[in-house]
Amino acid sequence: MYAGHYVDEHPDRAAFVMASTGAAVSHAELEARGNRLAHLLTSHGLGPKSHYSIFMENNDRYLESCAAGERSGMYYTCINSYLTAAEMAYIVNNSESEVLITSAAKLDVALAALPECPAVSLVLVAAGAGDERVDGSDERVVDFVAATADQPSVPIERELLGTSMLYSSGTTGQPKGIIRPLPEQPPDQQLPIFDFLAGLWQYRDGMVYLSPAPLYHSAPQAAVNLTIRQGGTVVIMERFDPLEYLQLIEQYRVTHSQLVPTMFSRMLKLPAEDRERFDLSSLETAVHAAAPCPVQVKEQMIEWWGPIIHEYYGATEGLGFAACNSEEWLAHKGTVGRIVLGDLFIADDEMNELPPGEPGTIWFRTATEFEYHNDPEKTADSTSPDGTMTTVNDVGYVDADDFLYLTDRKTFMIISGGVNIYPQETENLLITHPLVADAAVFGVPNVDLGEEVKAVVQPMPGVAGDEELARVLTAFCAEHLSRQKVPRSFDFDPELPRLPTGKLYKRLLRDRYWAGADTTSRIV
């Protein structure tokens, strides 16, 4: 979060605004805050290539917590704020973090994790000076504001570019830290990948970016960072609400935003009068990613917002990058874009290249260098035998025009009676039904077939999850899908474990059935 020369050009322009309160922090003040924290970290013994972690909800101290590392050559790890103490402690330890920055709202979880984090020598709590909750039994825990108040507001003596070291979401296994080499260069010279993204997404001076997602995730991390570097203003939502999101676009004349498909679906299911009551004409670019977007959902969004919607596909690892604008997508419906960074290779299980139209594992001749931190085994597992390519085990194919289509994660492929079934297509269909708020499809044990297709559905508010709804959804799927892709049974759940980043935590659902639970249809 380095503003560079924009601090001198527009010192009083808001760097960010908290959506719930309207509280704004200028570029000059954010610069001063980042400097104070950088001084505190260096005085505590941290230096270039050191690690620290941030475990907070979206709040008004988050960006300076990142900015300090960005200008001091450090790696900062933004941790999913919904994790348990044990899960959080794993990431703190694996990342070799020496300092933890947390908040009053997350302090109980942080304190529960601290006994398992012996390398952490300082915990900064963004709670406000004098907050009694900071005065705990652990002497490592101090108030963030009080600890930084007396630090200099000017840059540290030797500024170097730092960057985030983020972790995979852990939706298919233990989270993995993704670390990239840091060149010794000043912080106003960002990594090349960010120059590329700024041009692709048409970021500019004076832009207003609406951030509806958790700041610990890689996509908002990149988008917010780029906005600040362009001298723009970020409007930070503490949590996504579809009606509030539309209202904020009008209120702040938002020009850019980035969303996930579930946010599109929630806005589309608002009453027509709510969707139409706000002026959205300031929007220039709306980017989406993180999960496949159902074709019908994206068609409706382009019809509503116009051809301003851009899509991309790229893992946090930075293996490669696909992108498309609205016009390209409309000509290749369902694509996640054409490869614009890296070299794509679609392969079968024997690493043979597959022809266009045939799905296989997606490999990239890596666009940016990375490894999984402290985990050479997982780094090796993701690398081709000859060491030239990497994968995150997504499955997809390319068409004759070299546009990429995602089929599913390899982990979630269902093998039923010897037939390979990718459940993403069924999920994408179910979520378009007006009675469905969310859906997960996966394989469950079947004595004869090995696996059968199971759907767990979150009904819309006021809709009963009963056998009648199951019959309606079965008929709906049968009308649009081949027989083997139609779920054999439906269960209903009031809320599916979807991360705020848009990713469905499907492993939690699937494990219920593979742990010996009754796999016959039941209503829950």
Protein backbone atom coordinates (compact mmCIF):
# COMPACT_ATOMS: atom_id res chain seq x y z
CA MET A 1 0.00 0.00 0.00
CA TYR A 2 2.58 2.49 -1.18
CA ALA A 3 1.27 5.79 -2.52
CA GLY A 4 4.63 7.20 -3.69
CA HIS A 5 4.47 10.62 -5.36
CA TYR A 6 0.68 10.80 -4.99
CA VAL A 7 1.19 11.71 -1.33
CA ASP A 8 2.78 14.96 -2.47
CA GLU A 9 0.30 15.57 -5.31
CA HIS A 10 -2.91 14.79 -3.39
CA PRO A 11 -2.06 14.65 0.34
CA ASP A 12 -5.61 15.36 1.46
CA ARG A 13 -7.36 13.00 -0.96
CA ALA A 14 -8.94 10.06 0.87
CA ALA A 15 -6.83 6.92 0.57
CA PHE A 16 -9.66 4.87 2.03
CA VAL A 17 -13.13 5.25 3.52
CA MET A 18 -14.81 2.77 5.87
CA ALA A 19 -18.24 2.11 4.38
CA SER A 20 -20.13 1.56 7.63
CA THR A 21 -19.06 4.82 9.30
CA GLY A 22 -17.82 7.04 6.48
CA ALA A 23 -14.57 7.57 8.40
CA ALA A 24 -11.84 8.54 5.91
CA VAL A 25 -8.03 8.47 6.09
CA SER A 26 -6.05 10.65 3.67
CA HIS A 27 -3.07 9.56 1.62
CA ALA A 28 -0.81 11.69 3.81
CA GLU A 29 -2.14 10.14 7.00
CA LEU A 30 -1.90 6.58 5.63
CA GLU A 31 1.70 7.33 4.63
CA ALA A 32 2.48 8.54 8.16
CA ARG A 33 0.76 5.55 9.76
CA GLY A 34 2.65 3.07 7.58
CA ASN A 35 5.94 4.77 8.45
CA ARG A 36 5.24 4.64 12.19
CA LEU A 37 4.50 0.93 12.09
CA ALA A 38 7.57 0.26 9.91
CA HIS A 39 9.72 2.02 12.51
CA LEU A 40 8.16 -0.03 15.30
CA LEU A 41 8.74 -3.32 13.48
CA THR A 42 12.37 -2.51 12.67
CA SER A 43 13.02 -1.34 16.23
CA HIS A 44 11.68 -4.70 17.36
CA GLY A 45 14.36 -6.49 15.35
CA LEU A 46 12.54 -7.23 12.10
CA GLY A 47 14.26 -6.42 8.83
CA PRO A 48 14.24 -7.29 5.12
CA LYS A 49 12.78 -10.77 4.48
CA SER A 50 11.38 -10.97 8.04
CA HIS A 51 7.80 -12.20 8.47
CA TYR A 52 4.81 -10.92 10.40
CA SER A 53 1.10 -11.77 10.32
CA ILE A 54 -2.16 -9.83 10.26
CA PHE A 55 -5.28 -11.46 11.73
CA MET A 56 -8.15 -8.96 11.62
CA GLU A 57 -11.52 -8.27 10.12
CA ASN A 58 -11.76 -5.39 7.63
CA ASN A 59 -11.05 -2.29 9.72
CA ASP A 60 -9.34 1.11 9.60
CA ARG A 61 -5.92 -0.24 10.65
CA TYR A 62 -5.64 -2.97 8.04
CA LEU A 63 -4.07 -1.01 5.20
CA GLU A 64 -1.30 0.54 7.30
CA SER A 65 -0.54 -2.95 8.65
CA CYS A 66 0.20 -3.99 5.07
CA ALA A 67 1.89 -0.69 4.13
CA ALA A 68 4.58 -1.10 6.79
CA GLY A 69 5.79 -4.34 5.25
CA GLU A 70 5.48 -2.97 1.73
CA ARG A 71 8.06 -0.28 2.48
CA SER A 72 10.48 -2.21 4.74
CA GLY A 73 11.31 -5.27 2.65
CA MET A 74 9.26 -7.64 4.83
CA TYR A 75 6.79 -10.42 4.09
CA TYR A 76 3.38 -9.86 5.65
CA THR A 77 0.84 -12.70 5.86
CA CYS A 78 -2.84 -11.76 5.92
CA ILE A 79 -4.69 -14.58 7.69
CA ASN A 80 -8.32 -15.57 7.09
CA SER A 81 -10.13 -13.80 9.94
CA TYR A 82 -12.65 -16.66 10.26
CA LEU A 83 -10.10 -19.31 11.24
CA THR A 84 -10.03 -21.06 14.60
CA ALA A 85 -7.16 -20.57 17.04
CA ALA A 86 -5.50 -23.82 15.96
CA GLU A 87 -5.83 -22.99 12.27
CA MET A 88 -4.49 -19.50 12.81
CA ALA A 89 -1.58 -20.77 14.92
CA TYR A 90 -0.58 -23.16 12.12
CA ILE A 91 -0.21 -20.27 9.65
CA VAL A 92 1.59 -18.00 12.14
CA ASN A 93 4.12 -20.75 12.85
CA ASN A 94 4.47 -21.95 9.27
CA SER A 95 5.09 -18.40 8.06
CA GLU A 96 7.75 -17.89 10.77
CA SER A 97 6.00 -14.70 11.88
CA GLU A 98 7.69 -12.79 14.68
CA VAL A 99 4.91 -10.22 15.16
CA LEU A 100 1.14 -10.64 15.09
CA ILE A 101 -1.24 -7.75 14.40
CA THR A 102 -4.82 -8.40 15.48
CA SER A 103 -7.93 -6.53 16.65
CA ALA A 104 -10.17 -6.37 19.68
CA ALA A 105 -12.78 -8.35 17.75
CA LYS A 106 -10.31 -11.19 17.11
CA LEU A 107 -8.33 -10.95 20.33
CA ASP A 108 -9.93 -13.98 22.02
CA VAL A 109 -8.91 -16.22 19.11
CA ALA A 110 -5.43 -14.70 19.03
CA LEU A 111 -4.92 -15.18 22.77
CA ALA A 112 -6.05 -18.80 22.49
CA ALA A 113 -3.47 -19.35 19.73
CA LEU A 114 -0.53 -17.56 21.37
CA PRO A 115 0.63 -20.47 23.59
CA GLU A 116 1.22 -22.42 20.37
CA CYS A 117 3.20 -19.54 18.77
CA PRO A 118 6.51 -19.32 20.65
CA ALA A 119 8.26 -17.33 17.89
CA VAL A 120 5.83 -14.41 18.25
CA SER A 121 7.44 -11.79 20.48
CA LEU A 122 4.94 -8.94 19.97
CA VAL A 123 1.16 -8.77 19.49
CA LEU A 124 -0.34 -5.44 18.41
CA VAL A 125 -4.05 -5.06 19.08
CA ALA A 126 -6.00 -2.52 17.05
CA ALA A 127 -8.40 -1.69 19.82
CA GLY A 128 -7.89 1.98 20.61
CA ALA A 129 -5.67 3.42 23.33
CA GLY A 130 -6.61 2.32 26.83
CA ASP A 131 -8.87 -0.55 25.80
CA GLU A 132 -8.96 -2.80 28.85
CA ARG A 133 -9.15 -5.94 26.71
CA VAL A 134 -5.53 -5.36 25.67
CA ASP A 135 -4.34 -5.65 29.28
CA GLY A 136 -4.09 -9.41 29.43
CA SER A 137 -1.79 -11.80 31.21
CA ASP A 138 0.54 -12.11 28.23
CA GLU A 139 3.14 -9.33 28.27
CA ARG A 140 3.62 -9.66 24.50
CA VAL A 141 0.19 -8.11 23.93
CA VAL A 142 0.12 -4.30 23.55
CA ASP A 143 -2.16 -1.66 22.10
CA PHE A 144 -1.48 -0.92 18.42
CA VAL A 145 -2.20 2.82 18.56
CA ALA A 146 -0.27 3.40 21.78
CA ALA A 147 2.73 1.41 20.57
CA THR A 148 3.04 3.32 17.30
CA ALA A 149 2.09 6.81 18.53
CA ASP A 150 5.64 7.91 19.40
CA GLN A 151 7.29 6.42 16.31
CA PRO A 152 8.56 8.77 13.53
CA SER A 153 6.13 9.49 10.71
CA VAL A 154 8.93 9.75 8.15
CA PRO A 155 10.27 6.76 6.17
CA ILE A 156 12.69 4.32 7.78
CA GLU A 157 16.35 4.80 6.89
CA ARG A 158 16.58 2.04 4.27
CA GLU A 159 13.32 1.44 2.48
CA LEU A 160 12.96 -1.72 0.39
CA LEU A 161 10.02 -3.26 -1.42
CA GLY A 162 8.13 -5.82 0.67
CA THR A 163 5.16 -7.93 -0.32
CA SER A 164 2.45 -10.21 0.98
CA MET A 165 3.01 -13.92 1.54
CA LEU A 166 -0.52 -15.25 1.38
CA TYR A 167 -1.85 -18.73 2.02
CA SER A 168 -4.08 -20.90 -0.12
CA SER A 169 -7.63 -21.10 1.22
CA GLY A 170 -7.27 -24.70 2.43
CA THR A 171 -10.54 -25.75 0.79
CA THR A 172 -8.91 -29.00 -0.37
CA GLY A 173 -6.26 -29.49 2.33
CA GLN A 174 -3.86 -27.72 4.69
CA PRO A 175 -3.20 -24.08 3.63
CA LYS A 176 0.09 -23.46 1.84
CA GLY A 177 2.15 -20.27 2.08
CA ILE A 178 3.01 -18.85 -1.33
CA ILE A 179 6.34 -17.04 -1.23
CA ARG A 180 8.06 -15.15 -4.01
CA PRO A 181 11.62 -13.86 -4.16
CA LEU A 182 11.94 -10.18 -3.27
CA PRO A 183 14.34 -8.10 -5.33
CA GLU A 184 16.29 -5.40 -3.53
CA GLN A 185 14.53 -2.36 -4.95
CA PRO A 186 12.76 0.71 -3.54
CA PRO A 187 9.07 0.36 -2.65
CA ASP A 188 7.94 2.74 -5.37
CA GLN A 189 9.03 0.10 -7.92
CA GLN A 190 6.32 -2.55 -7.61
CA LEU A 191 6.63 -6.14 -8.81
CA PRO A 192 6.01 -6.52 -12.58
CA ILE A 193 2.81 -8.54 -12.07
CA PHE A 194 1.16 -5.46 -10.50
CA ASP A 195 2.13 -3.21 -13.41
CA PHE A 196 0.51 -5.78 -15.68
CA LEU A 197 -2.72 -5.89 -13.64
CA ALA A 198 -3.02 -2.10 -13.41
CA GLY A 199 -3.00 -1.86 -17.19
CA LEU A 200 -5.34 -4.81 -17.69
CA TRP A 201 -7.98 -3.45 -15.29
CA GLN A 202 -7.66 0.17 -16.48
CA TYR A 203 -6.68 1.60 -13.10
CA ARG A 204 -5.97 5.33 -13.10
CA ASP A 205 -5.32 8.39 -10.98
CA GLY A 206 -8.45 9.55 -9.16
CA MET A 207 -10.29 6.23 -9.43
CA VAL A 208 -12.67 5.12 -6.67
CA TYR A 209 -12.51 1.40 -5.89
CA LEU A 210 -15.26 -0.36 -3.93
CA SER A 211 -13.86 -3.33 -2.01
CA PRO A 212 -16.63 -5.73 -0.89
CA ALA A 213 -14.37 -8.68 0.03
CA PRO A 214 -12.15 -9.58 2.99
CA LEU A 215 -8.80 -7.81 2.83
CA TYR A 216 -6.92 -10.99 3.75
CA HIS A 217 -7.61 -12.47 0.30
CA SER A 218 -5.21 -12.14 -2.64
CA ALA A 219 -7.64 -10.44 -5.06
CA PRO A 220 -8.64 -7.48 -2.84
CA GLN A 221 -5.03 -7.29 -1.63
CA ALA A 222 -3.88 -6.68 -5.20
CA ALA A 223 -6.78 -4.39 -6.13
CA VAL A 224 -6.53 -2.19 -3.04
CA ASN A 225 -2.75 -2.00 -3.33
CA LEU A 226 -2.99 -0.92 -6.97
CA THR A 227 -5.64 1.70 -6.18
CA ILE A 228 -3.51 3.29 -3.46
CA ARG A 229 -0.47 3.27 -5.75
CA GLN A 230 -2.54 5.03 -8.43
CA GLY A 231 -3.53 7.74 -5.95
CA GLY A 232 -7.13 6.54 -5.88
CA THR A 233 -9.64 6.07 -3.07
CA VAL A 234 -10.76 2.71 -1.66
CA VAL A 235 -14.20 2.31 -0.09
CA ILE A 236 -13.93 -0.67 2.27
CA MET A 237 -17.03 -2.68 3.14
CA GLU A 238 -16.73 -4.54 6.43
CA ARG A 239 -18.89 -7.28 4.91
CA PHE A 240 -20.81 -7.65 1.68
CA ASP A 241 -24.47 -6.74 1.57
CA PRO A 242 -26.03 -6.58 -1.92
CA LEU A 243 -28.24 -3.55 -1.30
CA GLU A 244 -25.53 -1.60 0.52
CA TYR A 245 -23.09 -2.37 -2.29
CA LEU A 246 -25.35 -0.74 -4.87
CA GLN A 247 -26.00 2.23 -2.61
CA LEU A 248 -22.25 2.78 -2.12
CA ILE A 249 -21.65 2.90 -5.87
CA GLU A 250 -24.04 5.81 -6.13
CA GLN A 251 -22.86 7.54 -2.94
CA TYR A 252 -19.13 7.54 -3.76
CA ARG A 253 -19.38 7.55 -7.57
CA VAL A 254 -17.44 4.31 -7.64
CA THR A 255 -15.47 3.68 -10.86
CA HIS A 256 -13.93 0.24 -10.23
CA SER A 257 -14.76 -2.85 -8.21
CA GLN A 258 -13.99 -6.55 -7.98
CA LEU A 259 -16.52 -9.20 -7.01
CA VAL A 260 -17.14 -12.94 -6.92
CA PRO A 261 -20.01 -14.75 -8.68
CA THR A 262 -22.00 -15.32 -5.47
CA MET A 263 -22.18 -11.53 -5.07
CA PHE A 264 -23.61 -11.27 -8.59
CA SER A 265 -26.22 -13.89 -7.73
CA ARG A 266 -27.25 -12.15 -4.52
CA MET A 267 -27.69 -8.82 -6.29
CA LEU A 268 -29.66 -10.39 -9.13
CA LYS A 269 -32.06 -11.95 -6.62
CA LEU A 270 -32.90 -8.56 -5.10
CA PRO A 271 -36.38 -7.22 -5.98
CA ALA A 272 -36.38 -5.30 -9.27
CA GLU A 273 -37.19 -2.02 -7.52
CA ASP A 274 -34.04 -2.37 -5.36
CA ARG A 275 -31.82 -3.18 -8.33
CA GLU A 276 -33.08 -0.16 -10.25
CA ARG A 277 -33.16 2.51 -7.56
CA PHE A 278 -29.46 3.46 -7.57
CA ASP A 279 -27.39 5.34 -10.17
CA LEU A 280 -24.59 2.98 -11.26
CA SER A 281 -23.45 5.05 -14.23
CA SER A 282 -20.05 5.92 -12.68
CA LEU A 283 -18.90 2.29 -12.95
CA GLU A 284 -16.12 1.86 -15.52
CA THR A 285 -14.72 -1.59 -14.72
CA ALA A 286 -16.14 -4.48 -12.70
CA VAL A 287 -13.79 -7.45 -12.38
CA HIS A 288 -14.74 -10.92 -11.17
CA ALA A 289 -12.90 -14.15 -10.43
CA ALA A 290 -12.31 -16.67 -7.58
CA ALA A 291 -14.96 -19.15 -8.75
CA PRO A 292 -16.66 -20.12 -12.02
CA CYS A 293 -19.59 -17.86 -12.88
CA PRO A 294 -22.75 -19.53 -14.20
CA VAL A 295 -23.39 -18.43 -17.78
CA GLN A 296 -26.93 -17.27 -17.05
CA VAL A 297 -25.74 -15.14 -14.11
CA LYS A 298 -23.08 -13.41 -16.17
CA GLU A 299 -25.46 -12.82 -19.08
CA GLN A 300 -27.85 -11.07 -16.71
CA MET A 301 -25.07 -8.98 -15.17
CA ILE A 302 -23.83 -7.75 -18.58
CA GLU A 303 -27.40 -6.93 -19.56
CA TRP A 304 -27.81 -4.95 -16.32
CA TRP A 305 -24.42 -3.19 -16.05
CA GLY A 306 -23.37 -3.14 -19.68
CA PRO A 307 -20.12 -4.43 -21.22
CA ILE A 308 -17.91 -3.29 -18.35
CA ILE A 309 -17.47 -6.71 -16.74
CA HIS A 310 -14.03 -8.30 -16.95
CA GLU A 311 -13.18 -11.84 -15.88
CA TYR A 312 -9.86 -13.42 -15.05
CA TYR A 313 -8.47 -16.74 -13.94
CA GLY A 314 -5.28 -16.95 -11.95
CA ALA A 315 -4.20 -18.75 -8.79
CA THR A 316 -2.56 -16.92 -5.89
CA GLU A 317 0.60 -18.78 -6.89
CA GLY A 318 0.78 -16.62 -10.02
CA LEU A 319 1.31 -19.61 -12.32
CA GLY A 320 -0.38 -17.93 -15.26
CA PHE A 321 -3.23 -15.62 -16.06
CA ALA A 322 -6.27 -15.71 -18.33
CA ALA A 323 -8.53 -12.72 -18.93
CA CYS A 324 -11.42 -11.58 -21.08
CA ASN A 325 -13.66 -8.54 -21.40
CA SER A 326 -17.44 -8.65 -21.88
CA GLU A 327 -17.29 -8.73 -25.68
CA GLU A 328 -14.84 -11.65 -25.69
CA TRP A 329 -16.92 -13.53 -23.14
CA LEU A 330 -20.15 -13.06 -25.08
CA ALA A 331 -18.41 -14.59 -28.11
CA HIS A 332 -17.10 -17.49 -25.98
CA LYS A 333 -19.72 -17.94 -23.25
CA GLY A 334 -18.44 -19.79 -20.23
CA THR A 335 -14.76 -18.98 -20.79
CA VAL A 336 -12.53 -17.54 -18.08
CA GLY A 337 -10.44 -15.85 -20.76
CA ARG A 338 -7.52 -16.20 -23.10
CA ILE A 339 -4.06 -16.74 -21.63
CA VAL A 340 -2.29 -13.39 -21.34
CA LEU A 341 0.49 -14.37 -18.93
CA GLY A 342 2.37 -17.65 -18.81
CA ASP A 343 2.30 -20.66 -21.15
CA LEU A 344 -0.70 -23.01 -20.82
CA PHE A 345 -0.48 -26.81 -21.15
CA ILE A 346 -3.54 -29.11 -20.82
CA ALA A 347 -2.43 -32.65 -19.99
CA ASP A 348 -3.82 -36.09 -19.16
CA ASP A 349 -2.60 -38.11 -16.17
CA GLU A 350 0.45 -39.27 -18.14
CA MET A 351 1.40 -35.66 -18.98
CA ASN A 352 0.41 -36.01 -22.63
CA GLU A 353 -0.84 -32.76 -24.18
CA LEU A 354 -4.55 -32.87 -25.00
CA PRO A 355 -6.21 -31.38 -28.08
CA PRO A 356 -8.67 -28.42 -27.97
CA GLY A 357 -12.01 -29.31 -26.44
CA GLU A 358 -10.71 -32.20 -24.32
CA PRO A 359 -10.49 -31.52 -20.57
CA GLY A 360 -7.40 -32.28 -18.54
CA THR A 361 -5.24 -30.92 -15.75
CA ILE A 362 -4.21 -27.28 -16.26
CA TRP A 363 -0.44 -26.77 -16.16
CA PHE A 364 1.53 -23.58 -16.66
CA ARG A 365 5.09 -22.94 -17.56
CA THR A 366 5.22 -20.59 -14.64
CA ALA A 367 4.84 -16.89 -15.30
CA THR A 368 6.20 -15.83 -11.91
CA GLU A 369 8.60 -17.64 -9.60
CA PHE A 370 7.19 -19.03 -6.34
CA GLU A 371 7.44 -21.89 -3.88
CA TYR A 372 5.35 -23.15 -0.98
CA HIS A 373 6.97 -21.78 2.16
CA ASN A 374 8.66 -24.43 4.31
CA ASP A 375 7.00 -27.18 2.29
CA PRO A 376 9.29 -28.61 -0.42
CA GLU A 377 7.09 -31.70 -0.68
CA LYS A 378 4.00 -29.71 -1.71
CA THR A 379 6.13 -27.60 -4.03
CA ALA A 380 7.36 -30.80 -5.69
CA ASP A 381 3.82 -32.23 -5.86
CA SER A 382 2.66 -29.20 -7.84
CA THR A 383 5.58 -29.38 -10.27
CA SER A 384 5.85 -31.48 -13.43
CA PRO A 385 8.41 -34.32 -13.46
CA ASP A 386 10.83 -32.28 -15.56
CA GLY A 387 10.45 -29.27 -13.25
CA THR A 388 9.26 -26.91 -15.97
CA MET A 389 5.54 -26.59 -15.13
CA THR A 390 3.28 -26.14 -12.13
CA THR A 391 -0.39 -26.77 -11.36
CA VAL A 392 -3.02 -26.24 -8.66
CA ASN A 393 -4.96 -29.27 -9.98
CA ASP A 394 -7.69 -27.36 -11.76
CA VAL A 395 -9.27 -29.16 -14.71
CA GLY A 396 -10.22 -27.42 -17.94
CA TYR A 397 -9.86 -27.22 -21.70
CA VAL A 398 -9.23 -24.69 -24.44
CA ASP A 399 -11.36 -24.06 -27.51
CA ALA A 400 -10.19 -23.55 -31.08
CA ASP A 401 -9.60 -19.83 -30.37
CA ASP A 402 -7.39 -20.59 -27.34
CA PHE A 403 -9.97 -19.46 -24.77
CA LEU A 404 -9.79 -21.40 -21.50
CA TYR A 405 -12.80 -23.07 -19.82
CA LEU A 406 -12.72 -24.47 -16.28
CA THR A 407 -14.32 -27.83 -15.63
CA ASP A 408 -13.64 -28.27 -11.90
CA ARG A 409 -11.01 -28.95 -9.30
CA LYS A 410 -9.44 -32.36 -9.84
CA THR A 411 -10.02 -33.06 -6.16
CA PHE A 412 -13.80 -32.91 -6.61
CA MET A 413 -14.12 -35.16 -9.67
CA ILE A 414 -16.76 -37.86 -9.11
CA ILE A 415 -16.14 -41.36 -10.50
CA SER A 416 -19.53 -43.05 -10.73
CA GLY A 417 -19.75 -46.43 -12.43
CA GLY A 418 -16.45 -45.71 -14.16
CA VAL A 419 -17.67 -42.34 -15.56
CA ASN A 420 -15.82 -39.14 -14.64
CA ILE A 421 -18.26 -36.41 -13.57
CA TYR A 422 -17.25 -32.84 -12.78
CA PRO A 423 -19.86 -31.36 -10.39
CA GLN A 424 -19.20 -27.69 -11.17
CA GLU A 425 -21.64 -27.72 -14.09
CA THR A 426 -24.44 -28.99 -11.84
CA GLU A 427 -23.62 -26.42 -9.16
CA ASN A 428 -23.65 -23.62 -11.72
CA LEU A 429 -27.09 -24.70 -12.92
CA LEU A 430 -28.64 -25.09 -9.46
CA ILE A 431 -27.57 -21.64 -8.29
CA THR A 432 -29.59 -20.07 -11.13
CA HIS A 433 -32.87 -21.54 -9.82
CA PRO A 434 -35.00 -18.86 -8.12
CA LEU A 435 -35.59 -21.08 -5.08
CA VAL A 436 -31.86 -21.72 -4.50
CA ALA A 437 -29.53 -19.37 -2.60
CA ASP A 438 -26.45 -21.60 -2.86
CA ALA A 439 -25.54 -25.15 -3.85
CA ALA A 440 -22.76 -27.70 -3.46
CA VAL A 441 -22.45 -30.88 -5.52
CA PHE A 442 -20.00 -33.69 -4.80
CA GLY A 443 -19.64 -37.47 -4.73
CA VAL A 444 -20.79 -39.65 -1.86
CA PRO A 445 -20.28 -43.42 -1.35
CA ASN A 446 -22.42 -45.82 -3.39
CA VAL A 447 -21.97 -49.58 -3.00
CA ASP A 448 -22.67 -50.39 -6.65
CA LEU A 449 -21.26 -47.35 -8.44
CA GLY A 450 -18.42 -46.38 -6.12
CA GLU A 451 -19.79 -42.82 -5.91
CA GLU A 452 -23.05 -41.08 -6.66
CA VAL A 453 -23.86 -37.42 -7.19
CA LYS A 454 -25.15 -35.62 -4.11
CA ALA A 455 -26.41 -32.02 -3.93
CA VAL A 456 -26.61 -29.96 -0.76
CA VAL A 457 -28.73 -26.86 -1.30
CA GLN A 458 -29.27 -23.68 0.68
CA PRO A 459 -32.84 -22.58 -0.08
CA MET A 460 -33.78 -18.95 -0.50
CA PRO A 461 -35.17 -17.27 2.65
CA GLY A 462 -38.70 -18.45 3.34
CA VAL A 463 -38.37 -21.52 1.10
CA ALA A 464 -38.80 -24.90 2.79
CA GLY A 465 -36.07 -27.48 2.19
CA ASP A 466 -38.33 -30.48 1.77
CA GLU A 467 -39.06 -33.38 -0.57
CA GLU A 468 -41.19 -31.16 -2.81
CA LEU A 469 -38.23 -28.83 -3.39
CA ALA A 470 -36.03 -31.88 -4.05
CA ARG A 471 -38.50 -33.04 -6.74
CA VAL A 472 -38.57 -29.57 -8.33
CA LEU A 473 -34.77 -29.37 -8.44
CA THR A 474 -34.38 -32.91 -9.75
CA ALA A 475 -36.72 -32.11 -12.63
CA PHE A 476 -34.88 -28.83 -13.25
CA CYS A 477 -31.53 -30.61 -13.48
CA ALA A 478 -32.93 -33.39 -15.67
CA GLU A 479 -34.21 -30.79 -18.11
CA HIS A 480 -30.76 -29.22 -18.59
CA LEU A 481 -28.16 -31.92 -17.82
CA SER A 482 -27.24 -35.38 -19.00
CA ARG A 483 -28.55 -38.14 -16.75
CA GLN A 484 -25.29 -38.97 -14.94
CA LYS A 485 -24.86 -35.33 -13.81
CA VAL A 486 -28.30 -35.12 -12.16
CA PRO A 487 -28.02 -35.49 -8.36
CA ARG A 488 -29.46 -38.75 -7.08
CA SER A 489 -30.42 -37.06 -3.83
CA PHE A 490 -30.72 -33.62 -2.25
CA ASP A 491 -30.05 -32.46 1.28
CA PHE A 492 -30.87 -28.98 2.53
CA ASP A 493 -28.81 -26.75 4.79
CA PRO A 494 -29.68 -23.24 6.03
CA GLU A 495 -26.20 -21.96 5.14
CA LEU A 496 -23.39 -23.54 3.15
CA PRO A 497 -19.76 -23.05 4.26
CA ARG A 498 -18.78 -20.60 1.55
CA LEU A 499 -15.80 -18.39 2.39
CA PRO A 500 -16.30 -14.62 2.12
CA THR A 501 -13.83 -14.78 -0.77
CA GLY A 502 -16.45 -16.67 -2.78
CA LYS A 503 -14.91 -20.12 -2.52
CA LEU A 504 -17.11 -22.98 -1.40
CA TYR A 505 -15.57 -24.94 1.46
CA LYS A 506 -16.88 -28.14 -0.07
CA ARG A 507 -14.48 -30.45 1.72
CA LEU A 508 -16.31 -29.81 5.01
CA LEU A 509 -19.59 -30.95 3.46
CA ARG A 510 -18.16 -33.93 1.62
CA ASP A 511 -16.31 -35.22 4.67
CA ARG A 512 -19.61 -35.66 6.50
CA TYR A 513 -20.60 -38.38 4.06
CA TRP A 514 -17.22 -40.05 3.69
CA ALA A 515 -16.85 -40.30 7.47
CA GLY A 516 -19.51 -42.99 7.59
CA ALA A 517 -22.65 -40.85 7.79
CA ASP A 518 -25.93 -42.09 6.34
CA THR A 519 -25.79 -41.30 2.61
CA THR A 520 -29.46 -41.73 1.85
CA SER A 521 -31.50 -38.61 1.13
CA ARG A 522 -32.44 -36.75 4.26
CA ILE A 523 -33.72 -33.31 5.18
CA VAL A 524 -31.55 -31.35 7.63
